[in-house]
Structures are given as structure tokens and as C-alpha cells.
Amino acid sequence: MIGTRLYYWTTKASGVMTVEYTFSNVTNKLVVVDMSIEGKYHRWNWMSYEGRTTLMALLEEDFEQFYGVTLTNRYDAEVEKLAA
């Protein structure tokens, strides 16, 4: 079983974003559990699609380096846009 991980991303505009994420056995993808910027609550859907894509690429890289695995089911913002 894989637990949650914390990732700290220093953004250009907002400061340090703390992201808690995990791997979902249901979707076989990484899932953002919680996030904050400079200690203030933040939500995934408040981010631009570009920001989401950048963040997920960082999380996928962090996950792969930490666990030594290669993810095959990666985040795709275009799919999310079509579903909205």
C-alpha cells in the first residue's frame, strides 16, 4: 500500500504550494488529496489547466523518483477540459 506524500512547489507568483497526493488504485493515477499556498487552503479547480499540467508533471516525477517506478497512466489536461 502506498500512503500519501507531500510535495513542496515554489511557484513564481504565489509562494510555496504544499500538495498532499497519493496513488489511486481505483483510477491508477495520482490524486491530489489536499493543497495550500503559504498555509492558506487552495483547491485544484482554482488552478488553470496549464498550472494543473505543470503540477501533475512535477508530482509524477516526484512519485517515480521516490518509488522507483514508471507511471503509465499520466494526467492529461485535454481530457479534463473535454469532461468539463
PDB file of N, CA and C in Angstrom:
ATOM      1  N   MET A   1       0.843  -1.190   0.000  1.00  0.00           N
ATOM      2  CA  MET A   1       0.000   0.000   0.000  1.00  0.00           C
ATOM      3  C   MET A   1       0.880   1.242   0.000  1.00  0.00           C
ATOM      4  N   ILE A   2       0.480   2.208  -0.780  1.00  0.00           N
ATOM      5  CA  ILE A   2       1.207   3.463  -0.882  1.00  0.00           C
ATOM      6  C   ILE A   2       0.432   4.526  -0.120  1.00  0.00           C
ATOM      7  N   GLY A   3       1.106   5.208   0.778  1.00  0.00           N
ATOM      8  CA  GLY A   3       0.473   6.286   1.542  1.00  0.00           C
ATOM      9  C   GLY A   3       0.547   7.603   0.794  1.00  0.00           C
ATOM     10  N   THR A   4       0.199   8.665   1.482  1.00  0.00           N
ATOM     11  CA  THR A   4       0.269   9.980   0.853  1.00  0.00           C
ATOM     12  C   THR A   4       1.683  10.531   0.959  1.00  0.00           C
ATOM     13  N   ARG A   5       2.002  11.429   0.044  1.00  0.00           N
ATOM     14  CA  ARG A   5       3.287  12.134   0.050  1.00  0.00           C
ATOM     15  C   ARG A   5       3.017  13.626   0.020  1.00  0.00           C
ATOM     16  N   LEU A   6       3.957  14.375   0.546  1.00  0.00           N
ATOM     17  CA  LEU A   6       3.888  15.829   0.470  1.00  0.00           C
ATOM     18  C   LEU A   6       4.896  16.311  -0.555  1.00  0.00           C
ATOM     19  N   TYR A   7       4.466  17.281  -1.357  1.00  0.00           N
ATOM     20  CA  TYR A   7       5.347  17.898  -2.346  1.00  0.00           C
ATOM     21  C   TYR A   7       5.284  19.396  -2.135  1.00  0.00           C
ATOM     22  N   TYR A   8       6.447  20.036  -2.117  1.00  0.00           N
ATOM     23  CA  TYR A   8       6.522  21.477  -1.917  1.00  0.00           C
ATOM     24  C   TYR A   8       6.980  22.115  -3.222  1.00  0.00           C
ATOM     25  N   TRP A   9       6.134  22.969  -3.770  1.00  0.00           N
ATOM     26  CA  TRP A   9       6.410  23.605  -5.055  1.00  0.00           C
ATOM     27  C   TRP A   9       6.483  25.105  -4.840  1.00  0.00           C
ATOM     28  N   THR A  10       7.614  25.696  -5.157  1.00  0.00           N
ATOM     29  CA  THR A  10       7.759  27.139  -5.066  1.00  0.00           C
ATOM     30  C   THR A  10       7.305  27.737  -6.390  1.00  0.00           C
ATOM     31  N   THR A  11       6.141  28.363  -6.359  1.00  0.00           N
ATOM     32  CA  THR A  11       5.572  28.951  -7.573  1.00  0.00           C
ATOM     33  C   THR A  11       6.144  30.347  -7.783  1.00  0.00           C
ATOM     34  N   LYS A  12       6.078  30.824  -9.014  1.00  0.00           N
ATOM     35  CA  LYS A  12       6.606  32.146  -9.334  1.00  0.00           C
ATOM     36  C   LYS A  12       5.747  33.249  -8.731  1.00  0.00           C
ATOM     37  N   ALA A  13       4.456  33.070  -8.717  1.00  0.00           N
ATOM     38  CA  ALA A  13       3.555  34.146  -8.318  1.00  0.00           C
ATOM     39  C   ALA A  13       3.051  34.066  -6.882  1.00  0.00           C
ATOM     40  N   SER A  14       2.849  32.855  -6.368  1.00  0.00           N
ATOM     41  CA  SER A  14       2.112  32.717  -5.113  1.00  0.00           C
ATOM     42  C   SER A  14       2.926  32.297  -3.903  1.00  0.00           C
ATOM     43  N   GLY A  15       4.137  31.858  -4.077  1.00  0.00           N
ATOM     44  CA  GLY A  15       4.920  31.366  -2.942  1.00  0.00           C
ATOM     45  C   GLY A  15       4.973  29.852  -2.937  1.00  0.00           C
ATOM     46  N   VAL A  16       5.071  29.268  -1.756  1.00  0.00           N
ATOM     47  CA  VAL A  16       5.219  27.818  -1.643  1.00  0.00           C
ATOM     48  C   VAL A  16       3.860  27.135  -1.564  1.00  0.00           C
ATOM     49  N   MET A  17       3.638  26.222  -2.496  1.00  0.00           N
ATOM     50  CA  MET A  17       2.423  25.415  -2.507  1.00  0.00           C
ATOM     51  C   MET A  17       2.766  24.055  -1.906  1.00  0.00           C
ATOM     52  N   THR A  18       2.010  23.642  -0.905  1.00  0.00           N
ATOM     53  CA  THR A  18       2.168  22.324  -0.306  1.00  0.00           C
ATOM     54  C   THR A  18       1.054  21.440  -0.847  1.00  0.00           C
ATOM     55  N   VAL A  19       1.444  20.329  -1.441  1.00  0.00           N
ATOM     56  CA  VAL A  19       0.473  19.430  -2.064  1.00  0.00           C
ATOM     57  C   VAL A  19       0.603  18.044  -1.444  1.00  0.00           C
ATOM     58  N   GLU A  20      -0.500  17.525  -0.933  1.00  0.00           N
ATOM     59  CA  GLU A  20      -0.543  16.147  -0.465  1.00  0.00           C
ATOM     60  C   GLU A  20      -1.176  15.327  -1.581  1.00  0.00           C
ATOM     61  N   TYR A  21      -0.496  14.253  -1.979  1.00  0.00           N
ATOM     62  CA  TYR A  21      -1.029  13.431  -3.064  1.00  0.00           C
ATOM     63  C   TYR A  21      -0.784  11.954  -2.778  1.00  0.00           C
ATOM     64  N   THR A  22      -1.505  11.129  -3.528  1.00  0.00           N
ATOM     65  CA  THR A  22      -1.349   9.686  -3.383  1.00  0.00           C
ATOM     66  C   THR A  22      -1.647   9.019  -4.725  1.00  0.00           C
ATOM     67  N   PHE A  23      -1.399   7.722  -4.791  1.00  0.00           N
ATOM     68  CA  PHE A  23      -1.724   6.930  -5.967  1.00  0.00           C
ATOM     69  C   PHE A  23      -3.050   6.233  -5.729  1.00  0.00           C
ATOM     70  N   SER A  24      -3.979   6.398  -6.667  1.00  0.00           N
ATOM     71  CA  SER A  24      -5.293   5.772  -6.548  1.00  0.00           C
ATOM     72  C   SER A  24      -5.283   4.389  -7.198  1.00  0.00           C
ATOM     73  N   ASN A  25      -5.679   3.381  -6.448  1.00  0.00           N
ATOM     74  CA  ASN A  25      -5.809   2.040  -7.004  1.00  0.00           C
ATOM     75  C   ASN A  25      -7.086   1.881  -7.815  1.00  0.00           C
ATOM     76  N   VAL A  26      -7.987   2.846  -7.707  1.00  0.00           N
ATOM     77  CA  VAL A  26      -9.231   2.804  -8.475  1.00  0.00           C
ATOM     78  C   VAL A  26      -8.991   3.315  -9.896  1.00  0.00           C
ATOM     79  N   THR A  27      -8.333   4.481 -10.011  1.00  0.00           N
ATOM     80  CA  THR A  27      -8.104   5.089 -11.326  1.00  0.00           C
ATOM     81  C   THR A  27      -6.712   4.803 -11.880  1.00  0.00           C
ATOM     82  N   ASN A  28      -5.835   4.246 -11.039  1.00  0.00           N
ATOM     83  CA  ASN A  28      -4.435   4.010 -11.420  1.00  0.00           C
ATOM     84  C   ASN A  28      -3.733   5.306 -11.845  1.00  0.00           C
ATOM     85  N   LYS A  29      -4.045   6.377 -11.128  1.00  0.00           N
ATOM     86  CA  LYS A  29      -3.444   7.688 -11.383  1.00  0.00           C
ATOM     87  C   LYS A  29      -3.097   8.332 -10.053  1.00  0.00           C
ATOM     88  N   LEU A  30      -2.273   9.374 -10.133  1.00  0.00           N
ATOM     89  CA  LEU A  30      -2.018  10.172  -8.946  1.00  0.00           C
ATOM     90  C   LEU A  30      -3.225  11.060  -8.689  1.00  0.00           C
ATOM     91  N   VAL A  31      -3.523  11.281  -7.408  1.00  0.00           N
ATOM     92  CA  VAL A  31      -4.675  12.077  -7.000  1.00  0.00           C
ATOM     93  C   VAL A  31      -4.206  13.099  -5.963  1.00  0.00           C
ATOM     94  N   VAL A  32      -4.590  14.356  -6.154  1.00  0.00           N
ATOM     95  CA  VAL A  32      -4.286  15.386  -5.174  1.00  0.00           C
ATOM     96  C   VAL A  32      -5.307  15.279  -4.049  1.00  0.00           C
ATOM     97  N   VAL A  33      -4.818  15.131  -2.823  1.00  0.00           N
ATOM     98  CA  VAL A  33      -5.675  14.975  -1.654  1.00  0.00           C
ATOM     99  C   VAL A  33      -5.997  16.328  -1.041  1.00  0.00           C
ATOM    100  N   ASP A  34      -4.967  17.162  -0.894  1.00  0.00           N
ATOM    101  CA  ASP A  34      -5.126  18.463  -0.245  1.00  0.00           C
ATOM    102  C   ASP A  34      -4.012  19.374  -0.722  1.00  0.00           C
ATOM    103  N   MET A  35      -4.258  20.677  -0.682  1.00  0.00           N
ATOM    104  CA  MET A  35      -3.219  21.619  -1.072  1.00  0.00           C
ATOM    105  C   MET A  35      -3.420  22.952  -0.375  1.00  0.00           C
ATOM    106  N   SER A  36      -2.300  23.665  -0.205  1.00  0.00           N
ATOM    107  CA  SER A  36      -2.347  25.006   0.370  1.00  0.00           C
ATOM    108  C   SER A  36      -1.211  25.831  -0.222  1.00  0.00           C
ATOM    109  N   ILE A  37      -1.398  27.145  -0.207  1.00  0.00           N
ATOM    110  CA  ILE A  37      -0.353  28.069  -0.628  1.00  0.00           C
ATOM    111  C   ILE A  37      -0.056  28.974   0.545  1.00  0.00           C
ATOM    112  N   GLU A  38       1.206  28.930   0.980  1.00  0.00           N
ATOM    113  CA  GLU A  38       1.639  29.729   2.130  1.00  0.00           C
ATOM    114  C   GLU A  38       0.724  29.486   3.337  1.00  0.00           C
ATOM    115  N   GLY A  39       0.278  28.228   3.499  1.00  0.00           N
ATOM    116  CA  GLY A  39      -0.551  27.854   4.635  1.00  0.00           C
ATOM    117  C   GLY A  39      -2.030  28.142   4.478  1.00  0.00           C
ATOM    118  N   LYS A  40      -2.434  28.732   3.364  1.00  0.00           N
ATOM    119  CA  LYS A  40      -3.848  29.043   3.121  1.00  0.00           C
ATOM    120  C   LYS A  40      -4.441  28.000   2.183  1.00  0.00           C
ATOM    121  N   TYR A  41      -5.623  27.530   2.529  1.00  0.00           N
ATOM    122  CA  TYR A  41      -6.325  26.495   1.774  1.00  0.00           C
ATOM    123  C   TYR A  41      -6.384  26.856   0.292  1.00  0.00           C
ATOM    124  N   HIS A  42      -6.148  25.878  -0.552  1.00  0.00           N
ATOM    125  CA  HIS A  42      -6.225  26.073  -2.001  1.00  0.00           C
ATOM    126  C   HIS A  42      -6.887  24.851  -2.617  1.00  0.00           C
ATOM    127  N   ARG A  43      -7.544  25.047  -3.759  1.00  0.00           N
ATOM    128  CA  ARG A  43      -8.250  23.943  -4.416  1.00  0.00           C
ATOM    129  C   ARG A  43      -7.700  23.705  -5.812  1.00  0.00           C
ATOM    130  N   TRP A  44      -7.764  22.458  -6.202  1.00  0.00           N
ATOM    131  CA  TRP A  44      -7.330  22.031  -7.536  1.00  0.00           C
ATOM    132  C   TRP A  44      -8.069  22.802  -8.626  1.00  0.00           C
ATOM    133  N   ASN A  45      -9.385  22.943  -8.483  1.00  0.00           N
ATOM    134  CA  ASN A  45     -10.169  23.568  -9.559  1.00  0.00           C
ATOM    135  C   ASN A  45      -9.990  25.084  -9.626  1.00  0.00           C
ATOM    136  N   TRP A  46      -9.239  25.670  -8.708  1.00  0.00           N
ATOM    137  CA  TRP A  46      -8.912  27.095  -8.795  1.00  0.00           C
ATOM    138  C   TRP A  46      -7.709  27.340  -9.702  1.00  0.00           C
ATOM    139  N   MET A  47      -7.026  26.261 -10.063  1.00  0.00           N
ATOM    140  CA  MET A  47      -5.828  26.374 -10.897  1.00  0.00           C
ATOM    141  C   MET A  47      -6.193  26.364 -12.370  1.00  0.00           C
ATOM    142  N   SER A  48      -5.361  27.019 -13.173  1.00  0.00           N
ATOM    143  CA  SER A  48      -5.535  26.972 -14.624  1.00  0.00           C
ATOM    144  C   SER A  48      -5.164  25.576 -15.114  1.00  0.00           C
ATOM    145  N   TYR A  49      -5.593  25.238 -16.325  1.00  0.00           N
ATOM    146  CA  TYR A  49      -5.224  23.938 -16.890  1.00  0.00           C
ATOM    147  C   TYR A  49      -3.710  23.847 -17.059  1.00  0.00           C
ATOM    148  N   GLU A  50      -3.078  24.964 -17.399  1.00  0.00           N
ATOM    149  CA  GLU A  50      -1.623  24.985 -17.529  1.00  0.00           C
ATOM    150  C   GLU A  50      -0.960  24.707 -16.178  1.00  0.00           C
ATOM    151  N   GLY A  51      -1.471  25.335 -15.134  1.00  0.00           N
ATOM    152  CA  GLY A  51      -0.945  25.112 -13.791  1.00  0.00           C
ATOM    153  C   GLY A  51      -1.132  23.679 -13.342  1.00  0.00           C
ATOM    154  N   ARG A  52      -2.288  23.103 -13.645  1.00  0.00           N
ATOM    155  CA  ARG A  52      -2.552  21.704 -13.281  1.00  0.00           C
ATOM    156  C   ARG A  52      -1.584  20.767 -14.001  1.00  0.00           C
ATOM    157  N   THR A  53      -1.363  21.041 -15.289  1.00  0.00           N
ATOM    158  CA  THR A  53      -0.462  20.204 -16.079  1.00  0.00           C
ATOM    159  C   THR A  53       0.950  20.265 -15.521  1.00  0.00           C
ATOM    160  N   THR A  54       1.405  21.465 -15.191  1.00  0.00           N
ATOM    161  CA  THR A  54       2.743  21.631 -14.624  1.00  0.00           C
ATOM    162  C   THR A  54       2.862  20.915 -13.285  1.00  0.00           C
ATOM    163  N   LEU A  55       1.871  21.118 -12.422  1.00  0.00           N
ATOM    164  CA  LEU A  55       1.893  20.484 -11.107  1.00  0.00           C
ATOM    165  C   LEU A  55       1.892  18.964 -11.228  1.00  0.00           C
ATOM    166  N   MET A  56       1.029  18.418 -12.065  1.00  0.00           N
ATOM    167  CA  MET A  56       0.961  16.956 -12.190  1.00  0.00           C
ATOM    168  C   MET A  56       2.254  16.383 -12.756  1.00  0.00           C
ATOM    169  N   ALA A  57       2.897  17.094 -13.666  1.00  0.00           N
ATOM    170  CA  ALA A  57       4.187  16.623 -14.192  1.00  0.00           C
ATOM    171  C   ALA A  57       5.218  16.570 -13.063  1.00  0.00           C
ATOM    172  N   LEU A  58       5.201  17.576 -12.191  1.00  0.00           N
ATOM    173  CA  LEU A  58       6.115  17.592 -11.047  1.00  0.00           C
ATOM    174  C   LEU A  58       5.803  16.452 -10.077  1.00  0.00           C
ATOM    175  N   LEU A  59       4.514  16.223  -9.809  1.00  0.00           N
ATOM    176  CA  LEU A  59       4.119  15.151  -8.896  1.00  0.00           C
ATOM    177  C   LEU A  59       4.466  13.784  -9.469  1.00  0.00           C
ATOM    178  N   GLU A  60       4.234  13.602 -10.766  1.00  0.00           N
ATOM    179  CA  GLU A  60       4.561  12.318 -11.401  1.00  0.00           C
ATOM    180  C   GLU A  60       6.063  12.046 -11.332  1.00  0.00           C
ATOM    181  N   GLU A  61       6.866  13.088 -11.569  1.00  0.00           N
ATOM    182  CA  GLU A  61       8.317  12.932 -11.490  1.00  0.00           C
ATOM    183  C   GLU A  61       8.751  12.604 -10.055  1.00  0.00           C
ATOM    184  N   ASP A  62       8.172  13.308  -9.077  1.00  0.00           N
ATOM    185  CA  ASP A  62       8.484  13.062  -7.670  1.00  0.00           C
ATOM    186  C   ASP A  62       8.131  11.625  -7.285  1.00  0.00           C
ATOM    187  N   PHE A  63       6.957  11.181  -7.686  1.00  0.00           N
ATOM    188  CA  PHE A  63       6.479   9.828  -7.374  1.00  0.00           C
ATOM    189  C   PHE A  63       7.411   8.777  -7.976  1.00  0.00           C
ATOM    190  N   GLU A  64       7.741   8.953  -9.250  1.00  0.00           N
ATOM    191  CA  GLU A  64       8.593   7.982  -9.937  1.00  0.00           C
ATOM    192  C   GLU A  64       9.985   7.914  -9.303  1.00  0.00           C
ATOM    193  N   GLN A  65      10.540   9.056  -8.935  1.00  0.00           N
ATOM    194  CA  GLN A  65      11.870   9.065  -8.314  1.00  0.00           C
ATOM    195  C   GLN A  65      11.838   8.436  -6.926  1.00  0.00           C
ATOM    196  N   PHE A  66      10.807   8.742  -6.150  1.00  0.00           N
ATOM    197  CA  PHE A  66      10.732   8.229  -4.782  1.00  0.00           C
ATOM    198  C   PHE A  66      10.507   6.720  -4.755  1.00  0.00           C
ATOM    199  N   TYR A  67       9.565   6.244  -5.573  1.00  0.00           N
ATOM    200  CA  TYR A  67       9.205   4.822  -5.543  1.00  0.00           C
ATOM    201  C   TYR A  67       9.970   3.976  -6.555  1.00  0.00           C
ATOM    202  N   GLY A  68      10.693   4.613  -7.469  1.00  0.00           N
ATOM    203  CA  GLY A  68      11.473   3.864  -8.450  1.00  0.00           C
ATOM    204  C   GLY A  68      10.632   3.119  -9.450  1.00  0.00           C
ATOM    205  N   VAL A  69       9.488   3.686  -9.791  1.00  0.00           N
ATOM    206  CA  VAL A  69       8.589   3.068 -10.769  1.00  0.00           C
ATOM    207  C   VAL A  69       8.319   4.068 -11.897  1.00  0.00           C
ATOM    208  N   THR A  70       7.749   3.572 -12.983  1.00  0.00           N
ATOM    209  CA  THR A  70       7.342   4.428 -14.088  1.00  0.00           C
ATOM    210  C   THR A  70       5.825   4.383 -14.205  1.00  0.00           C
ATOM    211  N   LEU A  71       5.195   5.544 -14.124  1.00  0.00           N
ATOM    212  CA  LEU A  71       3.738   5.613 -14.258  1.00  0.00           C
ATOM    213  C   LEU A  71       3.359   5.461 -15.722  1.00  0.00           C
ATOM    214  N   THR A  72       2.321   4.692 -15.982  1.00  0.00           N
ATOM    215  CA  THR A  72       1.854   4.501 -17.353  1.00  0.00           C
ATOM    216  C   THR A  72       0.578   5.281 -17.639  1.00  0.00           C
ATOM    217  N   ASN A  73      -0.123   5.697 -16.607  1.00  0.00           N
ATOM    218  CA  ASN A  73      -1.386   6.420 -16.760  1.00  0.00           C
ATOM    219  C   ASN A  73      -1.168   7.850 -16.264  1.00  0.00           C
ATOM    220  N   ARG A  74      -0.813   8.746 -17.171  1.00  0.00           N
ATOM    221  CA  ARG A  74      -0.440  10.108 -16.801  1.00  0.00           C
ATOM    222  C   ARG A  74      -1.617  11.071 -16.932  1.00  0.00           C
ATOM    223  N   TYR A  75      -1.502  12.196 -16.217  1.00  0.00           N
ATOM    224  CA  TYR A  75      -2.527  13.236 -16.250  1.00  0.00           C
ATOM    225  C   TYR A  75      -2.594  13.869 -17.641  1.00  0.00           C
ATOM    226  N   ASP A  76      -3.792  14.123 -18.119  1.00  0.00           N
ATOM    227  CA  ASP A  76      -3.996  14.772 -19.415  1.00  0.00           C
ATOM    228  C   ASP A  76      -5.033  15.876 -19.252  1.00  0.00           C
ATOM    229  N   ALA A  77      -4.592  17.138 -19.301  1.00  0.00           N
ATOM    230  CA  ALA A  77      -5.491  18.277 -19.119  1.00  0.00           C
ATOM    231  C   ALA A  77      -6.534  18.357 -20.226  1.00  0.00           C
ATOM    232  N   GLU A  78      -6.203  17.910 -21.416  1.00  0.00           N
ATOM    233  CA  GLU A  78      -7.161  17.972 -22.522  1.00  0.00           C
ATOM    234  C   GLU A  78      -8.377  17.090 -22.245  1.00  0.00           C
ATOM    235  N   VAL A  79      -8.163  15.933 -21.654  1.00  0.00           N
ATOM    236  CA  VAL A  79      -9.266  15.050 -21.289  1.00  0.00           C
ATOM    237  C   VAL A  79     -10.132  15.730 -20.230  1.00  0.00           C
ATOM    238  N   GLU A  80      -9.484  16.379 -19.274  1.00  0.00           N
ATOM    239  CA  GLU A  80     -10.232  17.081 -18.211  1.00  0.00           C
ATOM    240  C   GLU A  80     -11.049  18.240 -18.796  1.00  0.00           C
ATOM    241  N   LYS A  81     -10.494  18.953 -19.750  1.00  0.00           N
ATOM    242  CA  LYS A  81     -11.223  20.059 -20.388  1.00  0.00           C
ATOM    243  C   LYS A  81     -12.481  19.555 -21.092  1.00  0.00           C
ATOM    244  N   LEU A  82     -12.352  18.440 -21.798  1.00  0.00           N
ATOM    245  CA  LEU A  82     -13.494  17.883 -22.521  1.00  0.00           C
ATOM    246  C   LEU A  82     -14.589  17.411 -21.573  1.00  0.00           C
ATOM    247  N   ALA A  83     -14.191  16.932 -20.402  1.00  0.00           N
ATOM    248  CA  ALA A  83     -15.169  16.429 -19.422  1.00  0.00           C
ATOM    249  C   ALA A  83     -15.913  17.550 -18.717  1.00  0.00           C
ATOM    250  N   ALA A  84     -15.344  18.751 -18.727  1.00  0.00           N
ATOM    251  CA  ALA A  84     -15.943  19.887 -18.002  1.00  0.00           C
ATOM    252  C   ALA A  84     -17.139  20.461 -18.704  1.00  0.00           C
TER     253      ALA A  84
END
